[in-house]
Amino acid sequence: MIHITVTGFFHVGVTVESMDRSLVFYREGLGLDVAFDTVVDGPYLREVLGLGLTEIRAVYLGIPGGGFVELLEYHGLERMSAASRPCDFGGGHLCLYVDDADATLKRSLASGGGHRGMGVVDITTGPNAGARSAYLLDPDGFPVEIFQRS
């Protein structure tokens, strides 16, 4: 067996319908800062993705402590929603530590987001007992968990 090692975390990519609408949620709702905003159109994109796109607008938002949320708006081809429930295989979510889950939920809802479940809940069992959590939905339905440590 070949030994390989993960050496770090770079980013999580989220495909968006409207970059401008999504930036309101991620910047104003979650408080993430834009590291860079660019249009990528190199031929390698069509090769690595296997898609006949023309370009991608990519915005990287820095996560305190390291890494990025990469928002991607594809251009030049048909696009459809990939929204799924947390229990649907192939789905995923992003989890961010926050210092105030209630305030983050309120600010995110005011910035175009939604939420699943009952809002912020207290975690009462398991290794995270005493913490608080909520599942937000970005403007395209991508799940973003906010997690307030105990």
N, C-alpha and C. Protein backbone atom coordinates (compact mmCIF):
# COMPACT_ATOMS: atom_id res chain seq x y z
N MET A 1 0.84 -1.18 0.00
CA MET A 1 0.00 0.00 0.00
C MET A 1 0.88 1.25 0.00
N ILE A 2 0.57 2.19 -0.86
CA ILE A 2 1.32 3.43 -0.95
C ILE A 2 0.84 4.37 0.15
N HIS A 3 1.78 4.96 0.87
CA HIS A 3 1.44 5.89 1.93
C HIS A 3 1.35 7.31 1.36
N ILE A 4 0.21 7.94 1.55
CA ILE A 4 0.05 9.33 1.15
C ILE A 4 -0.39 10.12 2.38
N THR A 5 -0.14 11.41 2.34
CA THR A 5 -0.47 12.26 3.47
C THR A 5 -1.17 13.51 2.98
N VAL A 6 -2.29 13.84 3.58
CA VAL A 6 -2.92 15.13 3.35
C VAL A 6 -2.08 16.15 4.08
N THR A 7 -1.70 17.22 3.40
CA THR A 7 -0.79 18.19 3.99
C THR A 7 -1.45 19.50 4.40
N GLY A 8 -2.76 19.65 4.13
CA GLY A 8 -3.43 20.88 4.52
C GLY A 8 -4.77 21.04 3.83
N PHE A 9 -5.40 22.12 4.14
CA PHE A 9 -6.71 22.46 3.55
C PHE A 9 -6.55 23.72 2.73
N PHE A 10 -7.08 23.72 1.49
CA PHE A 10 -6.98 24.89 0.62
C PHE A 10 -8.32 25.60 0.54
N HIS A 11 -9.35 24.92 -0.01
CA HIS A 11 -10.65 25.59 -0.15
C HIS A 11 -11.77 24.58 -0.30
N VAL A 12 -12.98 25.08 -0.13
CA VAL A 12 -14.19 24.34 -0.49
C VAL A 12 -14.85 25.16 -1.59
N GLY A 13 -15.26 24.51 -2.67
CA GLY A 13 -15.87 25.21 -3.79
C GLY A 13 -17.38 25.10 -3.75
N VAL A 14 -18.05 26.23 -4.01
CA VAL A 14 -19.50 26.29 -4.04
C VAL A 14 -19.92 26.96 -5.35
N THR A 15 -20.67 26.24 -6.18
CA THR A 15 -21.16 26.81 -7.43
C THR A 15 -22.39 27.66 -7.15
N VAL A 16 -22.41 28.87 -7.70
CA VAL A 16 -23.50 29.81 -7.44
C VAL A 16 -24.18 30.20 -8.74
N GLU A 17 -25.45 30.57 -8.63
CA GLU A 17 -26.19 31.07 -9.80
C GLU A 17 -25.83 32.51 -10.09
N SER A 18 -25.81 33.34 -9.04
CA SER A 18 -25.52 34.76 -9.18
C SER A 18 -24.44 35.15 -8.18
N MET A 19 -23.26 35.49 -8.67
CA MET A 19 -22.17 35.86 -7.78
C MET A 19 -22.54 37.06 -6.92
N ASP A 20 -23.14 38.06 -7.52
CA ASP A 20 -23.47 39.27 -6.76
C ASP A 20 -24.43 38.96 -5.61
N ARG A 21 -25.44 38.15 -5.86
CA ARG A 21 -26.39 37.77 -4.81
C ARG A 21 -25.70 36.94 -3.74
N SER A 22 -24.87 36.00 -4.14
CA SER A 22 -24.18 35.14 -3.18
C SER A 22 -23.17 35.91 -2.33
N LEU A 23 -22.53 36.91 -2.91
CA LEU A 23 -21.57 37.70 -2.14
C LEU A 23 -22.24 38.45 -1.00
N VAL A 24 -23.48 38.87 -1.17
CA VAL A 24 -24.20 39.52 -0.07
C VAL A 24 -24.28 38.55 1.11
N PHE A 25 -24.65 37.30 0.86
CA PHE A 25 -24.78 36.30 1.91
C PHE A 25 -23.43 36.00 2.56
N TYR A 26 -22.42 35.68 1.76
CA TYR A 26 -21.14 35.25 2.32
C TYR A 26 -20.34 36.40 2.95
N ARG A 27 -20.45 37.60 2.38
CA ARG A 27 -19.71 38.74 2.94
C ARG A 27 -20.48 39.39 4.08
N GLU A 28 -21.71 39.78 3.81
CA GLU A 28 -22.47 40.51 4.82
C GLU A 28 -23.10 39.57 5.85
N GLY A 29 -23.61 38.43 5.41
CA GLY A 29 -24.26 37.50 6.32
C GLY A 29 -23.29 36.73 7.18
N LEU A 30 -22.20 36.23 6.58
CA LEU A 30 -21.23 35.44 7.33
C LEU A 30 -19.97 36.21 7.72
N GLY A 31 -19.78 37.39 7.13
CA GLY A 31 -18.64 38.22 7.49
C GLY A 31 -17.32 37.79 6.90
N LEU A 32 -17.33 37.03 5.80
CA LEU A 32 -16.08 36.60 5.15
C LEU A 32 -15.58 37.70 4.22
N ASP A 33 -14.26 37.88 4.18
CA ASP A 33 -13.64 38.91 3.34
C ASP A 33 -13.17 38.32 2.01
N VAL A 34 -13.33 39.10 0.94
CA VAL A 34 -12.88 38.68 -0.38
C VAL A 34 -11.36 38.77 -0.46
N ALA A 35 -10.72 37.65 -0.77
CA ALA A 35 -9.27 37.62 -0.98
C ALA A 35 -8.95 38.00 -2.42
N PHE A 36 -9.72 37.46 -3.37
CA PHE A 36 -9.63 37.91 -4.76
C PHE A 36 -10.87 37.53 -5.53
N ASP A 37 -11.10 38.28 -6.59
CA ASP A 37 -12.26 38.14 -7.47
C ASP A 37 -11.73 38.21 -8.88
N THR A 38 -11.86 37.12 -9.64
CA THR A 38 -11.25 37.08 -10.96
C THR A 38 -12.10 36.26 -11.93
N VAL A 39 -11.84 36.44 -13.20
CA VAL A 39 -12.44 35.60 -14.24
C VAL A 39 -11.35 34.68 -14.76
N VAL A 40 -11.63 33.38 -14.74
CA VAL A 40 -10.67 32.37 -15.18
C VAL A 40 -11.20 31.79 -16.49
N ASP A 41 -10.36 31.77 -17.52
CA ASP A 41 -10.83 31.27 -18.81
C ASP A 41 -9.79 30.42 -19.53
N GLY A 42 -8.86 29.86 -18.82
CA GLY A 42 -7.82 29.05 -19.45
C GLY A 42 -8.37 27.75 -20.01
N PRO A 43 -7.76 27.24 -21.08
CA PRO A 43 -8.22 25.99 -21.69
C PRO A 43 -8.15 24.79 -20.74
N TYR A 44 -7.29 24.86 -19.72
CA TYR A 44 -7.19 23.75 -18.78
C TYR A 44 -8.52 23.51 -18.06
N LEU A 45 -9.33 24.56 -17.89
CA LEU A 45 -10.62 24.40 -17.20
C LEU A 45 -11.52 23.41 -17.94
N ARG A 46 -11.61 23.56 -19.25
CA ARG A 46 -12.44 22.65 -20.04
C ARG A 46 -11.92 21.22 -19.95
N GLU A 47 -10.60 21.07 -19.86
CA GLU A 47 -9.99 19.75 -19.77
C GLU A 47 -10.22 19.11 -18.41
N VAL A 48 -9.94 19.84 -17.33
CA VAL A 48 -10.05 19.27 -16.00
C VAL A 48 -11.50 19.03 -15.59
N LEU A 49 -12.42 19.88 -16.04
CA LEU A 49 -13.83 19.75 -15.68
C LEU A 49 -14.63 18.92 -16.67
N GLY A 50 -14.14 18.77 -17.89
CA GLY A 50 -14.88 18.05 -18.92
C GLY A 50 -16.15 18.78 -19.33
N LEU A 51 -16.09 20.11 -19.35
CA LEU A 51 -17.26 20.93 -19.68
C LEU A 51 -16.89 21.93 -20.78
N GLY A 52 -17.87 22.25 -21.62
CA GLY A 52 -17.67 23.23 -22.69
C GLY A 52 -18.00 24.64 -22.25
N LEU A 53 -17.47 25.08 -21.15
CA LEU A 53 -17.75 26.41 -20.63
C LEU A 53 -16.89 27.45 -21.34
N THR A 54 -17.27 28.72 -21.19
CA THR A 54 -16.45 29.79 -21.75
C THR A 54 -15.53 30.39 -20.71
N GLU A 55 -16.03 30.56 -19.48
CA GLU A 55 -15.23 31.12 -18.40
C GLU A 55 -15.91 30.86 -17.07
N ILE A 56 -15.16 31.11 -16.00
CA ILE A 56 -15.70 31.00 -14.65
C ILE A 56 -15.30 32.27 -13.89
N ARG A 57 -16.27 32.89 -13.24
CA ARG A 57 -15.92 33.95 -12.28
C ARG A 57 -15.68 33.25 -10.95
N ALA A 58 -14.51 33.46 -10.40
CA ALA A 58 -14.12 32.82 -9.15
C ALA A 58 -13.83 33.89 -8.10
N VAL A 59 -14.47 33.75 -6.95
CA VAL A 59 -14.22 34.65 -5.83
C VAL A 59 -13.79 33.79 -4.65
N TYR A 60 -12.62 34.09 -4.10
CA TYR A 60 -12.13 33.40 -2.92
C TYR A 60 -12.37 34.28 -1.70
N LEU A 61 -13.03 33.70 -0.69
CA LEU A 61 -13.28 34.40 0.56
C LEU A 61 -12.47 33.71 1.65
N GLY A 62 -11.68 34.48 2.37
CA GLY A 62 -10.82 33.92 3.40
C GLY A 62 -11.57 33.44 4.61
N ILE A 63 -11.17 32.28 5.13
CA ILE A 63 -11.71 31.73 6.37
C ILE A 63 -10.69 32.01 7.46
N PRO A 64 -11.09 32.71 8.53
CA PRO A 64 -10.13 32.94 9.61
C PRO A 64 -9.52 31.62 10.09
N GLY A 65 -8.22 31.59 10.23
CA GLY A 65 -7.54 30.36 10.62
C GLY A 65 -6.98 29.58 9.45
N GLY A 66 -7.37 29.95 8.23
CA GLY A 66 -6.80 29.29 7.05
C GLY A 66 -7.81 28.71 6.11
N GLY A 67 -7.52 28.78 4.84
CA GLY A 67 -8.38 28.24 3.81
C GLY A 67 -9.36 29.27 3.26
N PHE A 68 -10.12 28.82 2.27
CA PHE A 68 -11.02 29.72 1.56
C PHE A 68 -12.35 29.03 1.26
N VAL A 69 -13.37 29.84 1.09
CA VAL A 69 -14.60 29.43 0.41
C VAL A 69 -14.45 29.99 -1.00
N GLU A 70 -14.49 29.11 -1.99
CA GLU A 70 -14.35 29.50 -3.39
C GLU A 70 -15.74 29.50 -4.02
N LEU A 71 -16.24 30.68 -4.38
CA LEU A 71 -17.52 30.77 -5.08
C LEU A 71 -17.25 30.77 -6.57
N LEU A 72 -18.01 29.94 -7.30
CA LEU A 72 -17.79 29.76 -8.74
C LEU A 72 -19.07 30.04 -9.51
N GLU A 73 -19.01 30.96 -10.47
CA GLU A 73 -20.14 31.24 -11.35
C GLU A 73 -19.71 30.88 -12.78
N TYR A 74 -20.26 29.77 -13.28
CA TYR A 74 -19.90 29.26 -14.60
C TYR A 74 -20.64 30.04 -15.69
N HIS A 75 -19.95 30.26 -16.83
CA HIS A 75 -20.55 30.97 -17.96
C HIS A 75 -20.40 30.15 -19.23
N GLY A 76 -21.36 30.29 -20.14
CA GLY A 76 -21.25 29.70 -21.46
C GLY A 76 -21.81 28.30 -21.60
N LEU A 77 -22.61 27.83 -20.63
CA LEU A 77 -23.23 26.52 -20.75
C LEU A 77 -24.48 26.48 -19.86
N GLU A 78 -25.33 25.52 -20.13
CA GLU A 78 -26.55 25.35 -19.34
C GLU A 78 -26.19 24.98 -17.91
N ARG A 79 -26.89 25.57 -16.96
CA ARG A 79 -26.65 25.28 -15.54
C ARG A 79 -27.97 24.93 -14.88
N MET A 80 -27.92 24.03 -13.90
CA MET A 80 -29.12 23.62 -13.16
C MET A 80 -28.80 23.57 -11.68
N SER A 81 -29.83 23.62 -10.86
CA SER A 81 -29.65 23.54 -9.42
C SER A 81 -29.24 22.13 -9.02
N ALA A 82 -28.33 22.05 -8.07
CA ALA A 82 -27.90 20.76 -7.52
C ALA A 82 -28.31 20.65 -6.05
N ALA A 83 -29.30 21.41 -5.64
CA ALA A 83 -29.71 21.41 -4.23
C ALA A 83 -30.10 20.00 -3.78
N SER A 84 -29.70 19.67 -2.57
CA SER A 84 -30.02 18.36 -2.01
C SER A 84 -30.29 18.51 -0.51
N ARG A 85 -30.87 17.46 0.06
CA ARG A 85 -31.08 17.42 1.51
C ARG A 85 -29.81 16.90 2.16
N PRO A 86 -29.60 17.18 3.45
CA PRO A 86 -28.40 16.68 4.11
C PRO A 86 -28.24 15.17 4.04
N CYS A 87 -29.33 14.44 3.91
CA CYS A 87 -29.25 12.97 3.87
C CYS A 87 -29.01 12.41 2.47
N ASP A 88 -29.03 13.25 1.43
CA ASP A 88 -28.83 12.78 0.05
C ASP A 88 -27.35 12.59 -0.23
N PHE A 89 -26.98 11.36 -0.65
CA PHE A 89 -25.56 11.10 -0.93
C PHE A 89 -25.09 11.95 -2.09
N GLY A 90 -23.83 12.33 -2.01
CA GLY A 90 -23.25 13.24 -2.99
C GLY A 90 -23.41 14.69 -2.59
N GLY A 91 -24.26 14.95 -1.61
CA GLY A 91 -24.42 16.31 -1.10
C GLY A 91 -23.29 16.62 -0.13
N GLY A 92 -23.28 17.80 0.39
CA GLY A 92 -22.25 18.18 1.34
C GLY A 92 -22.66 19.44 2.06
N HIS A 93 -21.80 19.91 2.93
CA HIS A 93 -22.01 21.18 3.59
C HIS A 93 -20.67 21.75 4.02
N LEU A 94 -20.69 23.01 4.32
CA LEU A 94 -19.54 23.74 4.84
C LEU A 94 -19.87 24.07 6.28
N CYS A 95 -18.95 23.88 7.21
CA CYS A 95 -19.18 24.24 8.61
C CYS A 95 -18.18 25.29 9.03
N LEU A 96 -18.68 26.38 9.61
CA LEU A 96 -17.84 27.48 10.06
C LEU A 96 -18.02 27.71 11.55
N TYR A 97 -16.92 27.90 12.27
CA TYR A 97 -17.01 28.31 13.66
C TYR A 97 -17.49 29.75 13.71
N VAL A 98 -18.38 30.05 14.64
CA VAL A 98 -18.84 31.43 14.86
C VAL A 98 -18.80 31.71 16.36
N ASP A 99 -18.74 32.98 16.71
CA ASP A 99 -18.72 33.33 18.13
C ASP A 99 -20.12 33.55 18.68
N ASP A 100 -21.11 33.79 17.81
CA ASP A 100 -22.49 34.01 18.26
C ASP A 100 -23.43 33.44 17.20
N ALA A 101 -23.91 32.23 17.41
CA ALA A 101 -24.75 31.56 16.42
C ALA A 101 -26.06 32.29 16.18
N ASP A 102 -26.68 32.81 17.24
CA ASP A 102 -27.95 33.52 17.07
C ASP A 102 -27.79 34.76 16.21
N ALA A 103 -26.77 35.56 16.49
CA ALA A 103 -26.53 36.78 15.71
C ALA A 103 -26.15 36.45 14.28
N THR A 104 -25.36 35.39 14.08
CA THR A 104 -24.96 35.00 12.72
C THR A 104 -26.17 34.53 11.93
N LEU A 105 -27.05 33.76 12.55
CA LEU A 105 -28.27 33.32 11.87
C LEU A 105 -29.11 34.53 11.47
N LYS A 106 -29.32 35.44 12.38
CA LYS A 106 -30.14 36.63 12.10
C LYS A 106 -29.54 37.45 10.95
N ARG A 107 -28.23 37.70 11.01
CA ARG A 107 -27.56 38.49 9.97
C ARG A 107 -27.60 37.76 8.62
N SER A 108 -27.44 36.45 8.63
CA SER A 108 -27.45 35.67 7.39
C SER A 108 -28.83 35.66 6.75
N LEU A 109 -29.88 35.55 7.56
CA LEU A 109 -31.24 35.60 7.03
C LEU A 109 -31.52 36.95 6.40
N ALA A 110 -31.02 38.01 7.01
CA ALA A 110 -31.22 39.36 6.47
C ALA A 110 -30.39 39.60 5.21
N SER A 111 -29.44 38.72 4.94
CA SER A 111 -28.55 38.87 3.78
C SER A 111 -28.88 37.88 2.67
N GLY A 112 -30.10 37.37 2.64
CA GLY A 112 -30.53 36.53 1.53
C GLY A 112 -30.44 35.05 1.76
N GLY A 113 -30.05 34.62 2.95
CA GLY A 113 -29.96 33.20 3.24
C GLY A 113 -31.26 32.65 3.81
N GLY A 114 -31.29 31.36 3.99
CA GLY A 114 -32.41 30.68 4.63
C GLY A 114 -31.85 29.74 5.67
N HIS A 115 -32.68 28.88 6.23
CA HIS A 115 -32.17 27.90 7.17
C HIS A 115 -33.03 26.65 7.16
N ARG A 116 -32.45 25.56 7.62
CA ARG A 116 -33.13 24.28 7.78
C ARG A 116 -33.48 24.15 9.25
N GLY A 117 -34.35 23.25 9.56
CA GLY A 117 -34.61 22.90 10.96
C GLY A 117 -35.22 24.02 11.76
N MET A 118 -34.90 24.02 13.05
CA MET A 118 -35.52 24.91 14.01
C MET A 118 -34.66 26.13 14.33
N GLY A 119 -33.71 26.46 13.51
CA GLY A 119 -32.80 27.56 13.82
C GLY A 119 -31.64 27.06 14.65
N VAL A 120 -31.13 27.90 15.55
CA VAL A 120 -29.99 27.52 16.40
C VAL A 120 -30.48 26.55 17.47
N VAL A 121 -29.76 25.44 17.61
CA VAL A 121 -30.12 24.44 18.63
C VAL A 121 -28.91 24.17 19.53
N ASP A 122 -29.19 23.78 20.76
CA ASP A 122 -28.15 23.37 21.69
C ASP A 122 -27.83 21.90 21.45
N ILE A 123 -26.56 21.58 21.35
CA ILE A 123 -26.12 20.19 21.19
C ILE A 123 -26.04 19.59 22.58
N THR A 124 -26.81 18.53 22.81
CA THR A 124 -26.95 17.99 24.17
C THR A 124 -26.23 16.67 24.40
N THR A 125 -25.74 16.02 23.36
CA THR A 125 -25.06 14.74 23.53
C THR A 125 -23.84 14.67 22.63
N GLY A 126 -23.00 13.67 22.88
CA GLY A 126 -21.85 13.41 22.02
C GLY A 126 -20.67 14.33 22.32
N PRO A 127 -19.66 14.27 21.46
CA PRO A 127 -18.42 15.00 21.71
C PRO A 127 -18.58 16.52 21.65
N ASN A 128 -19.65 17.01 21.05
CA ASN A 128 -19.86 18.45 20.93
C ASN A 128 -20.92 18.98 21.89
N ALA A 129 -21.29 18.17 22.90
CA ALA A 129 -22.29 18.60 23.87
C ALA A 129 -21.90 19.94 24.48
N GLY A 130 -22.87 20.83 24.57
CA GLY A 130 -22.64 22.17 25.09
C GLY A 130 -22.45 23.22 24.01
N ALA A 131 -22.18 22.78 22.80
CA ALA A 131 -22.04 23.72 21.68
C ALA A 131 -23.42 24.05 21.12
N ARG A 132 -23.45 24.96 20.15
CA ARG A 132 -24.70 25.35 19.50
C ARG A 132 -24.49 25.32 17.99
N SER A 133 -25.55 24.96 17.25
CA SER A 133 -25.41 24.79 15.81
C SER A 133 -26.69 25.14 15.08
N ALA A 134 -26.56 25.54 13.83
CA ALA A 134 -27.70 25.75 12.93
C ALA A 134 -27.23 25.48 11.51
N TYR A 135 -28.14 25.01 10.68
CA TYR A 135 -27.86 24.82 9.26
C TYR A 135 -28.51 25.96 8.50
N LEU A 136 -27.66 26.79 7.87
CA LEU A 136 -28.14 27.86 7.00
C LEU A 136 -28.18 27.34 5.58
N LEU A 137 -28.87 28.04 4.73
CA LEU A 137 -28.87 27.76 3.29
C LEU A 137 -28.45 29.04 2.59
N ASP A 138 -27.43 28.93 1.71
CA ASP A 138 -27.04 30.11 0.96
C ASP A 138 -28.13 30.41 -0.07
N PRO A 139 -28.04 31.50 -0.83
CA PRO A 139 -29.11 31.85 -1.76
C PRO A 139 -29.44 30.79 -2.81
N ASP A 140 -28.52 29.84 -3.05
CA ASP A 140 -28.78 28.76 -4.00
C ASP A 140 -29.14 27.45 -3.33
N GLY A 141 -29.28 27.46 -2.00
CA GLY A 141 -29.66 26.26 -1.27
C GLY A 141 -28.51 25.42 -0.76
N PHE A 142 -27.24 25.89 -0.91
CA PHE A 142 -26.10 25.14 -0.41
C PHE A 142 -26.06 25.25 1.11
N PRO A 143 -25.95 24.12 1.83
CA PRO A 143 -25.96 24.15 3.30
C PRO A 143 -24.66 24.65 3.90
N VAL A 144 -24.79 25.60 4.82
CA VAL A 144 -23.66 26.13 5.57
C VAL A 144 -24.02 25.98 7.05
N GLU A 145 -23.27 25.12 7.74
CA GLU A 145 -23.51 24.94 9.17
C GLU A 145 -22.71 26.01 9.92
N ILE A 146 -23.35 26.62 10.90
CA ILE A 146 -22.62 27.50 11.81
C ILE A 146 -22.53 26.78 13.14
N PHE A 147 -21.36 26.88 13.77
CA PHE A 147 -21.07 26.08 14.95
C PHE A 147 -20.43 26.97 16.00
N GLN A 148 -21.13 27.15 17.11
CA GLN A 148 -20.61 27.95 18.22
C GLN A 148 -20.09 26.98 19.28
N ARG A 149 -18.79 27.04 19.52
CA ARG A 149 -18.18 26.14 20.50
C ARG A 149 -18.69 26.44 21.90
N SER A 150 -18.65 25.41 22.75
CA SER A 150 -19.11 25.60 24.15
C SER A 150 -18.04 26.27 24.97
